[in-house]
C-alpha cells in the first residue's frame, strides 16, 4: 500500500463519517477477525496515480489529490 498524504486521509475520513451512517458492513458486528472491509486501488497513469478506496459494500471514494499533478 502506498502512503497517503494528510489531505488524502482527510478526504477519506470525511467520506467515511457519512458512509458509515448507512453502510451495511459497518452496521453488522461480524466483520471478520482481520478486517478486510476496505480495498485500496491504485491506477498508474501518465500524469500520476489515481487512488480509490472501496468499501466491502461496493461504495467507493476517489481520494486522488489532483492538485499534485
Protein backbone atom coordinates (compact mmCIF):
# COMPACT_ATOMS: atom_id res chain seq x y z
CA UNK A 1 0.00 0.00 0.00
CA UNK A 2 1.26 3.45 -0.89
CA UNK A 3 1.46 6.08 1.85
CA UNK A 4 -1.45 8.54 1.88
CA UNK A 5 -0.95 12.26 2.46
CA UNK A 6 -2.78 14.19 5.17
CA UNK A 7 -5.08 15.75 2.55
CA UNK A 8 -5.99 12.31 1.18
CA UNK A 9 -6.55 10.94 4.68
CA UNK A 10 -8.86 13.87 5.44
CA UNK A 11 -10.86 13.22 2.25
CA UNK A 12 -11.24 9.56 3.23
CA UNK A 13 -12.17 10.34 6.85
CA UNK A 14 -14.85 12.85 5.76
CA UNK A 15 -16.33 10.33 3.33
CA UNK A 16 -16.19 7.55 5.92
CA UNK A 17 -18.11 9.56 8.51
CA UNK A 18 -21.03 9.93 6.09
CA UNK A 19 -20.73 6.44 4.62
CA UNK A 20 -20.75 4.68 7.99
CA UNK A 21 -24.25 6.01 8.68
CA UNK A 22 -25.74 3.70 6.05
CA UNK A 23 -23.10 1.05 5.30
CA UNK A 24 -24.41 -2.49 5.90
CA UNK A 25 -20.86 -3.68 6.67
CA UNK A 26 -20.45 -1.08 9.42
CA UNK A 27 -23.85 -1.90 10.88
CA UNK A 28 -23.05 -5.63 11.16
CA UNK A 29 -20.91 -6.75 14.07
CA UNK A 30 -19.46 -9.79 12.26
CA UNK A 31 -16.93 -8.02 10.01
CA UNK A 32 -14.30 -10.72 10.32
CA UNK A 33 -11.29 -11.18 12.53
CA UNK A 34 -8.79 -9.47 10.22
CA UNK A 35 -10.98 -6.72 8.83
CA UNK A 36 -10.81 -6.59 5.07
CA UNK A 37 -13.58 -4.04 4.79
CA UNK A 38 -11.61 -1.70 2.53
CA UNK A 39 -9.77 -2.24 -0.73
CA UNK A 40 -7.17 0.32 -1.75
CA UNK A 41 -6.95 0.60 -5.54
CA UNK A 42 -4.11 2.42 -7.28
CA UNK A 43 -4.13 3.05 -11.03
CA UNK A 44 -0.97 4.49 -12.57
CA UNK A 45 -1.48 6.99 -15.39
CA UNK A 46 0.91 9.12 -17.39
CA UNK A 47 0.06 12.09 -15.12
CA UNK A 48 0.11 10.41 -11.72
CA UNK A 49 -1.51 7.71 -9.63
CA UNK A 50 -5.28 7.59 -9.18
CA UNK A 51 -6.18 6.35 -5.67
CA UNK A 52 -9.59 4.97 -4.79
CA UNK A 53 -10.78 3.27 -1.62
CA UNK A 54 -13.66 0.81 -1.88
CA UNK A 55 -15.79 -0.46 0.98
CA UNK A 56 -16.88 -4.08 1.06
CA UNK A 57 -20.44 -2.93 0.34
CA UNK A 58 -19.32 -1.63 -3.06
CA UNK A 59 -19.31 2.09 -2.31
CA UNK A 60 -16.12 3.86 -3.38
CA UNK A 61 -14.39 7.21 -2.91
CA UNK A 62 -11.75 8.77 -5.16
CA UNK A 63 -9.08 10.17 -2.83
CA UNK A 64 -6.66 11.26 -5.55
CA UNK A 65 -5.03 14.63 -4.86
CA UNK A 66 -5.23 16.00 -8.39
CA UNK A 67 -3.61 19.28 -7.29
CA UNK A 68 -0.29 17.41 -7.10
CA UNK A 69 -0.41 16.50 -10.79
